[in-house]
Protein backbone atom coordinates (compact mmCIF):
# COMPACT_ATOMS: atom_id res chain seq x y z
CA UNK A 1 74.59 145.66 113.42
CA UNK A 2 74.07 142.26 111.85
CA UNK A 3 75.43 141.73 108.33
CA UNK A 4 72.85 141.15 105.61
CA UNK A 5 72.10 137.59 104.28
CA UNK A 6 71.69 138.83 100.70
CA UNK A 7 75.00 137.21 99.72
CA UNK A 8 73.95 134.21 97.53
CA UNK A 9 74.07 130.70 99.14
CA UNK A 10 76.76 128.44 97.66
CA UNK A 11 75.19 125.92 95.25
CA UNK A 12 75.75 122.29 96.48
CA UNK A 13 74.96 120.66 93.18
CA UNK A 14 76.71 120.87 89.81
CA UNK A 15 74.30 120.74 86.87
CA UNK A 16 75.22 119.28 83.46
CA UNK A 17 73.50 121.86 81.24
CA UNK A 18 73.90 119.69 78.18
CA UNK A 19 71.18 117.37 79.56
CA UNK A 20 68.21 119.69 80.07
CA UNK A 21 66.77 122.74 78.43
CA UNK A 22 63.94 123.68 80.81
CA UNK A 23 65.15 124.71 84.19
CA UNK A 24 61.95 123.37 85.81
CA UNK A 25 63.55 119.94 85.47
CA UNK A 26 66.01 121.16 88.11
CA UNK A 27 63.94 123.58 90.20
CA UNK A 28 62.42 127.08 90.04
CA UNK A 29 59.21 129.00 90.71
CA UNK A 30 55.81 128.42 89.10
CA UNK A 31 52.70 130.47 89.73
CA UNK A 32 49.19 129.14 89.71
CA UNK A 33 45.57 129.69 90.68
CA UNK A 34 44.50 127.34 93.56
CA UNK A 35 40.89 126.26 94.06
CA UNK A 36 41.22 123.08 96.26
CA UNK A 37 40.83 122.13 99.05
CA UNK A 38 38.43 124.71 100.46
CA UNK A 39 36.01 124.67 97.54
CA UNK A 40 34.80 128.23 98.14
CA UNK A 41 34.61 129.02 94.47
CA UNK A 42 37.24 131.69 94.78
CA UNK A 43 40.68 131.04 93.32
CA UNK A 44 43.73 132.04 95.19
CA UNK A 45 47.16 133.03 93.61
CA UNK A 46 50.15 131.00 94.72
CA UNK A 47 53.79 130.73 93.79
CA UNK A 48 55.25 127.25 94.21
CA UNK A 49 58.95 126.99 94.92
CA UNK A 50 61.02 123.93 94.02
CA UNK A 51 64.47 124.70 95.44
CA UNK A 52 66.13 121.76 93.68
CA UNK A 53 66.80 120.20 97.04
CA UNK A 54 64.14 118.21 99.00
CA UNK A 55 62.74 121.51 100.20
CA UNK A 56 59.56 122.69 98.44
CA UNK A 57 57.10 125.28 99.65
CA UNK A 58 54.08 127.47 98.52
CA UNK A 59 53.79 131.26 98.89
CA UNK A 60 50.23 132.48 99.22
CA UNK A 61 50.22 135.68 97.13
CA UNK A 62 46.67 136.55 98.17
CA UNK A 63 47.67 136.35 101.85
CA UNK A 64 50.54 138.78 102.11
CA UNK A 65 53.03 136.55 100.20
CA UNK A 66 53.35 134.42 103.31
CA UNK A 67 54.66 130.80 103.16
CA UNK A 68 52.02 128.20 103.69
CA UNK A 69 52.72 124.51 103.06
CA UNK A 70 56.31 123.43 103.23
CA UNK A 71 57.91 119.97 103.02
CA UNK A 72 61.39 118.41 103.01
CA UNK A 73 61.26 115.15 101.01
CA UNK A 74 58.46 113.06 102.48
CA UNK A 75 58.25 115.07 105.70
CA UNK A 76 55.82 117.98 106.27
CA UNK A 77 57.43 120.85 108.28
CA UNK A 78 54.55 123.04 109.22
CA UNK A 79 51.11 123.15 110.82
CA UNK A 80 48.14 123.74 108.54
CA UNK A 81 44.59 124.66 109.72
CA UNK A 82 41.43 123.31 108.16
CA UNK A 83 40.73 126.81 106.77
CA UNK A 84 43.00 126.24 103.82
CA UNK A 85 44.08 129.24 101.86
CA UNK A 86 41.05 131.43 101.92
CA UNK A 87 40.57 134.61 99.99
CA UNK A 88 41.39 137.69 102.13
CA UNK A 89 38.43 139.39 103.79
CA UNK A 90 38.18 142.76 105.62
CA UNK A 91 35.55 141.04 107.89
CA UNK A 92 38.54 139.37 109.63
CA UNK A 93 40.04 142.78 110.63
CA UNK A 94 38.35 142.78 114.08
CA UNK A 95 38.75 141.15 117.34
CA UNK A 96 39.65 137.41 117.01
CA UNK A 97 38.16 137.04 113.48
CA UNK A 98 41.66 136.56 112.12
CA UNK A 99 41.40 132.93 113.16
CA UNK A 100 38.62 132.26 110.55
CA UNK A 101 40.97 132.95 107.70
CA UNK A 102 44.35 131.78 109.01
CA UNK A 103 45.68 128.87 106.98
CA UNK A 104 48.54 128.17 109.35
CA UNK A 105 51.82 127.69 107.38
CA UNK A 106 55.52 128.00 107.72
CA UNK A 107 55.68 131.75 107.97
CA UNK A 108 52.76 133.98 108.77
CA UNK A 109 53.57 137.80 109.05
CA UNK A 110 51.76 139.72 111.69
CA UNK A 111 51.55 143.61 111.63
CA UNK A 112 52.51 146.00 110.14
CA UNK A 113 50.70 148.41 112.44
CA UNK A 114 49.82 146.14 115.32
CA UNK A 115 50.14 142.45 116.13
CA UNK A 116 49.40 140.17 119.08
CA UNK A 117 46.37 140.15 121.26
CA UNK A 118 43.21 142.24 120.50
CA UNK A 119 43.17 145.42 122.58
CA UNK A 120 42.41 149.11 122.52
CA UNK A 121 45.65 151.10 121.87
CA UNK A 122 46.20 154.74 120.64
CA UNK A 123 42.41 155.02 120.28
CA UNK A 124 42.31 152.02 117.83
CA UNK A 125 40.55 148.73 118.33
CA UNK A 126 43.41 146.38 117.57
CA UNK A 127 42.44 143.07 115.98
CA UNK A 128 44.41 139.79 116.41
CA UNK A 129 47.76 139.91 114.65
CA UNK A 130 46.97 142.79 112.32
CA UNK A 131 46.13 143.08 108.59
CA UNK A 132 49.13 141.82 106.64
CA UNK A 133 48.38 138.10 106.22
CA UNK A 134 44.73 138.98 105.31
CA UNK A 135 45.89 141.46 102.51
CA UNK A 136 46.78 140.41 98.89
CA UNK A 137 50.27 141.01 97.54
CA UNK A 138 51.13 142.52 94.13
CA UNK A 139 53.89 140.61 92.36
CA UNK A 140 56.58 143.01 91.21
CA UNK A 141 59.38 140.60 90.08
CA UNK A 142 59.98 136.94 89.54
CA UNK A 143 63.28 135.59 88.41
CA UNK A 144 63.91 131.86 87.81
CA UNK A 145 67.30 130.34 87.96
CA UNK A 146 69.23 129.61 84.76
CA UNK A 147 72.24 127.37 85.20
CA UNK A 148 72.94 127.77 81.46
CA UNK A 149 73.91 131.38 82.31
CA UNK A 150 75.51 130.56 85.65
CA UNK A 151 72.57 131.95 87.61
CA UNK A 152 71.46 129.61 90.41
CA UNK A 153 69.21 131.94 92.45
CA UNK A 154 65.37 132.13 92.18
CA UNK A 155 63.66 135.25 93.50
CA UNK A 156 60.16 136.62 94.07
CA UNK A 157 59.48 140.21 95.11
CA UNK A 158 55.98 141.30 96.08
CA UNK A 159 54.40 144.36 97.77
CA UNK A 160 51.61 144.64 100.24
CA UNK A 161 49.88 147.85 101.20
CA UNK A 162 48.02 148.33 104.37
CA UNK A 163 46.06 151.52 103.57
CA UNK A 164 43.07 153.72 104.56
CA UNK A 165 41.85 157.04 103.37
CA UNK A 166 43.59 159.68 105.56
CA UNK A 167 46.11 157.10 106.71
CA UNK A 168 47.83 154.97 107.52
CA UNK A 169 49.65 154.09 104.40
CA UNK A 170 52.14 151.35 104.97
CA UNK A 171 54.06 149.43 102.29
CA UNK A 172 55.65 146.12 102.81
CA UNK A 173 58.11 145.04 100.10
CA UNK A 174 59.04 141.37 100.44
CA UNK A 175 61.69 139.39 98.57
CA UNK A 176 61.99 135.66 98.94
CA UNK A 177 65.30 134.19 97.59
CA UNK A 178 66.42 130.50 97.28
CA UNK A 179 69.37 128.89 95.60
CA UNK A 180 69.19 125.71 93.49
CA UNK A 181 70.19 122.67 95.50
CA UNK A 182 70.20 124.46 98.84
CA UNK A 183 67.46 123.84 101.47
CA UNK A 184 67.29 127.43 102.53
CA UNK A 185 64.73 130.24 102.41
CA UNK A 186 65.81 133.90 102.77
CA UNK A 187 63.09 136.41 103.34
CA UNK A 188 63.83 140.18 103.25
CA UNK A 189 61.08 142.73 104.19
CA UNK A 190 61.25 146.59 103.81
CA UNK A 191 58.43 148.28 105.63
CA UNK A 192 57.90 152.02 104.78
CA UNK A 193 55.43 154.59 105.97
CA UNK A 194 54.23 156.13 102.70
CA UNK A 195 51.77 158.42 104.52
CA UNK A 196 52.24 161.90 105.92
CA UNK A 197 51.66 161.02 109.65
CA UNK A 198 53.38 158.87 112.24
CA UNK A 199 51.96 155.41 112.47
CA UNK A 200 52.37 152.56 114.98
CA UNK A 201 54.57 149.73 113.79
CA UNK A 202 54.82 146.23 115.29
CA UNK A 203 56.09 143.21 113.32
CA UNK A 204 56.23 139.46 114.06
CA UNK A 205 57.15 136.36 112.09
CA UNK A 206 54.79 133.54 113.16
CA UNK A 207 56.92 130.46 112.19
CA UNK A 208 54.76 127.40 112.73
CA UNK A 209 55.98 123.80 113.08
CA UNK A 210 53.78 120.76 112.75
CA UNK A 211 53.73 116.97 112.59
CA UNK A 212 55.77 114.94 111.75
CA UNK A 213 58.68 117.40 112.31
CA UNK A 214 56.83 118.46 115.49
CA UNK A 215 56.38 115.32 117.64
CA UNK A 216 56.76 114.05 121.12
CA UNK A 217 60.44 114.56 122.07
CA UNK A 218 61.14 117.24 119.43
CA UNK A 219 63.60 119.79 120.92
CA UNK A 220 63.01 123.55 120.86
CA UNK A 221 66.34 125.42 120.53
CA UNK A 222 66.64 128.78 122.15
CA UNK A 223 67.82 130.48 125.31
CA UNK A 224 67.54 133.70 127.38
CA UNK A 225 65.48 135.62 129.92
CA UNK A 226 61.82 134.45 129.59
CA UNK A 227 58.35 135.59 130.65
CA UNK A 228 55.71 132.85 130.96
CA UNK A 229 52.17 133.35 129.64
CA UNK A 230 49.41 130.62 129.80
CA UNK A 231 45.69 130.39 128.92
CA UNK A 232 43.82 129.70 131.12
CA UNK A 233 46.06 131.54 133.55
CA UNK A 234 48.24 129.28 135.80
CA UNK A 235 47.72 129.14 139.48
CA UNK A 236 51.44 129.74 140.07
CA UNK A 237 54.51 130.86 138.08
CA UNK A 238 56.49 127.89 136.88
CA UNK A 239 59.98 127.46 138.21
CA UNK A 240 63.01 127.76 135.98
CA UNK A 241 63.34 124.01 135.92
CA UNK A 242 59.70 123.75 134.78
CA UNK A 243 60.23 126.41 132.09
CA UNK A 244 63.18 124.50 130.58
CA UNK A 245 61.14 121.22 130.47
CA UNK A 246 58.74 123.08 128.12
CA UNK A 247 61.50 123.11 125.61
CA UNK A 248 60.89 119.39 124.81
CA UNK A 249 57.69 118.88 122.88
CA UNK A 250 55.10 116.61 124.58
CA UNK A 251 52.16 114.67 123.18
CA UNK A 252 48.72 116.24 123.02
CA UNK A 253 47.48 117.94 126.24
CA UNK A 254 43.84 117.80 127.36
CA UNK A 255 44.26 121.22 128.88
CA UNK A 256 45.01 122.62 125.45
CA UNK A 257 41.52 121.66 124.03
CA UNK A 258 39.79 124.56 122.37
CA UNK A 259 41.95 127.67 123.10
CA UNK A 260 44.29 126.38 125.81
CA UNK A 261 47.83 127.50 125.12
CA UNK A 262 51.16 128.61 126.70
CA UNK A 263 54.04 130.65 125.59
CA UNK A 264 57.52 131.93 126.69
CA UNK A 265 58.52 135.32 125.62
CA UNK A 266 62.30 135.23 125.41
CA UNK A 267 64.93 137.87 125.14
CA UNK A 268 67.17 135.73 122.83
CA UNK A 269 70.80 136.88 122.80
CA UNK A 270 72.54 137.40 119.49
CA UNK A 271 75.89 135.89 118.28
CA UNK A 272 79.03 137.72 117.31
CA UNK A 273 77.47 138.54 113.92
CA UNK A 274 74.38 140.08 115.61
CA UNK A 275 72.10 137.23 114.72
CA UNK A 276 70.01 134.91 116.88
CA UNK A 277 69.98 131.28 115.82
CA UNK A 278 67.00 129.18 117.11
CA UNK A 279 65.07 126.29 115.80
CA UNK A 280 63.76 122.73 116.20
CA UNK A 281 65.29 119.31 116.17
CA UNK A 282 63.50 116.01 115.66
CA UNK A 283 66.19 113.42 116.56
CA UNK A 284 64.04 110.45 115.48
CA UNK A 285 63.79 111.86 111.93
CA UNK A 286 67.22 113.37 111.90
CA UNK A 287 65.52 116.60 110.76
CA UNK A 288 65.53 120.12 111.97
CA UNK A 289 64.96 123.79 111.00
CA UNK A 290 67.25 126.55 111.94
CA UNK A 291 66.01 130.19 112.06
CA UNK A 292 68.42 133.06 111.89
CA UNK A 293 67.54 136.71 112.24
CA UNK A 294 69.20 140.00 113.49
CA UNK A 295 68.37 140.66 117.11
CA UNK A 296 68.64 144.47 116.75
CA UNK A 297 65.49 144.36 114.45
CA UNK A 298 63.71 141.55 116.21
CA UNK A 299 64.77 141.70 119.82
CA UNK A 300 62.34 139.24 121.39
CA UNK A 301 61.05 135.66 120.47
CA UNK A 302 57.84 133.93 121.53
CA UNK A 303 57.63 130.16 121.85
CA UNK A 304 54.00 129.44 121.43
CA UNK A 305 52.70 126.04 122.30
CA UNK A 306 49.30 124.55 121.60
CA UNK A 307 49.23 120.80 121.70
CA UNK A 308 45.47 120.15 121.26
CA UNK A 309 44.15 116.66 121.64
CA UNK A 310 42.27 116.44 118.31
CA UNK A 311 44.94 117.36 115.68
CA UNK A 312 45.42 121.06 116.38
CA UNK A 313 49.10 120.29 117.37
CA UNK A 314 51.48 123.14 116.80
CA UNK A 315 54.47 124.94 118.21
CA UNK A 316 55.59 128.31 116.80
CA UNK A 317 58.77 130.37 117.16
CA UNK A 318 57.98 134.05 116.61
CA UNK A 319 60.72 136.68 116.48
CA UNK A 320 59.16 140.10 116.87
CA UNK A 321 59.55 143.84 117.27
CA UNK A 322 57.12 145.88 119.40
CA UNK A 323 54.57 144.28 121.75
CA UNK A 324 52.24 141.36 121.85
CA UNK A 325 50.00 142.73 124.50
CA UNK A 326 50.37 146.55 124.18
CA UNK A 327 52.41 149.30 125.80
CA UNK A 328 50.05 149.67 128.66
CA UNK A 329 50.93 146.26 130.11
CA UNK A 330 54.36 145.61 128.57
CA UNK A 331 57.27 146.98 130.53
CA UNK A 332 59.83 146.18 127.85
CA UNK A 333 61.75 149.40 126.78
CA UNK A 334 61.01 148.92 123.08
CA UNK A 335 57.37 147.89 123.40
CA UNK A 336 56.27 151.11 121.73
CA UNK A 337 57.26 151.35 118.08
CA UNK A 338 56.44 153.88 115.35
CA UNK A 339 57.30 154.76 111.80
CA UNK A 340 57.78 158.37 110.85
CA UNK A 341 56.55 159.59 107.48
CA UNK A 342 59.00 158.21 104.83
CA UNK A 343 60.77 155.96 107.35
CA UNK A 344 61.76 152.41 106.32
CA UNK A 345 62.52 149.49 108.69
CA UNK A 346 64.25 146.35 107.33
CA UNK A 347 63.81 142.79 108.53
CA UNK A 348 65.42 139.56 107.55
CA UNK A 349 64.56 135.93 108.33
CA UNK A 350 66.56 132.91 107.06
CA UNK A 351 65.12 129.33 107.43
CA UNK A 352 67.47 126.36 106.82
CA UNK A 353 66.36 122.82 106.80
CA UNK A 354 68.97 120.52 108.36
CA UNK A 355 69.25 116.81 107.82
CA UNK A 356 72.76 115.74 108.67
CA UNK A 357 74.15 114.85 112.16
CA UNK A 358 76.81 117.50 111.82
CA UNK A 359 74.38 120.32 110.97
CA UNK A 360 71.86 119.27 113.72
CA UNK A 361 74.77 119.20 116.24
CA UNK A 362 75.81 122.69 115.10
CA UNK A 363 72.28 123.96 115.73
CA UNK A 364 72.14 122.31 119.13
CA UNK A 365 75.15 124.25 120.25
CA UNK A 366 73.05 127.39 120.14
CA UNK A 367 70.63 125.85 122.71
CA UNK A 368 70.78 126.98 126.42
CA UNK A 369 68.69 127.69 129.48
CA UNK A 370 65.78 129.97 129.86
CA UNK A 371 65.45 131.86 133.17
CA UNK A 372 63.26 134.42 134.91
């Protein structure tokens, strides 16, 4: 069992509290109503995090409290669609309609009943990636740091309910924690079945990297047994050497125009502490992002790649529990997942932005081969 990451990160900056009275000079969380850039006339609630380090990011409260834009100093970290942060709509809860509302962003949560490809399962017409990111969150707690009192953490807790009359009734309680001066995001999710019947439960973190962090030559850091999936379907299964070459990002690919894509579904091993450590490294920018998560809760990882030739240029790392394609076609022993009434499952995801040679080299040590 992996140890929790709730232990506060150690502040790397000492603050002279005689020289400021408003903590927002140093960092903190501000909430706002966002209208631009979509211009739909509907305002969206956001929470803007300034970590007091070069890392800043925005949480879309009306989209499941997921993280959308994120930057480290002058460098964007994530892929953003032209949709912008749209207001949630139940019209997107069918087939592939999720794509009309998806803003992209650093962390998109998929579930909590189903995620992955549209399909029929347990008598339900499953839509792409589930309901979570298309459901508004209720803010329950916001705590800003206060170095005057020795408190360096900032914290946001929000809840999201995926509900229907007669069930299911699933609650996601999310807490996002940062520490002043530390380029790190810690996300904790507690997912509880508040209903009186058993419900399917699949969960995935869609962590999306974009230009300029993602560029030709960027290295994807992971290892393990891999299954290859491509759209359109490939004429032959790639060799292991070909699979490993996919771990270095290419330029745009003509075959990825429109909906062309490829992915590796990897059984990523954990470290001694029970956590997987994966990520991306851009050597030219001396910039990387490390992801850490417990493999007992999130046993598989998808490396999704879509290098479209007209700006839709993205690679995602997606730790998940359950199945992307459904139990009927997925032989993995834990492809079928449920929550009993009252049962809670807990998930953690830690994202660290790395900008020193020593930290990047440490992340690179977690790299390895993928194999059939």
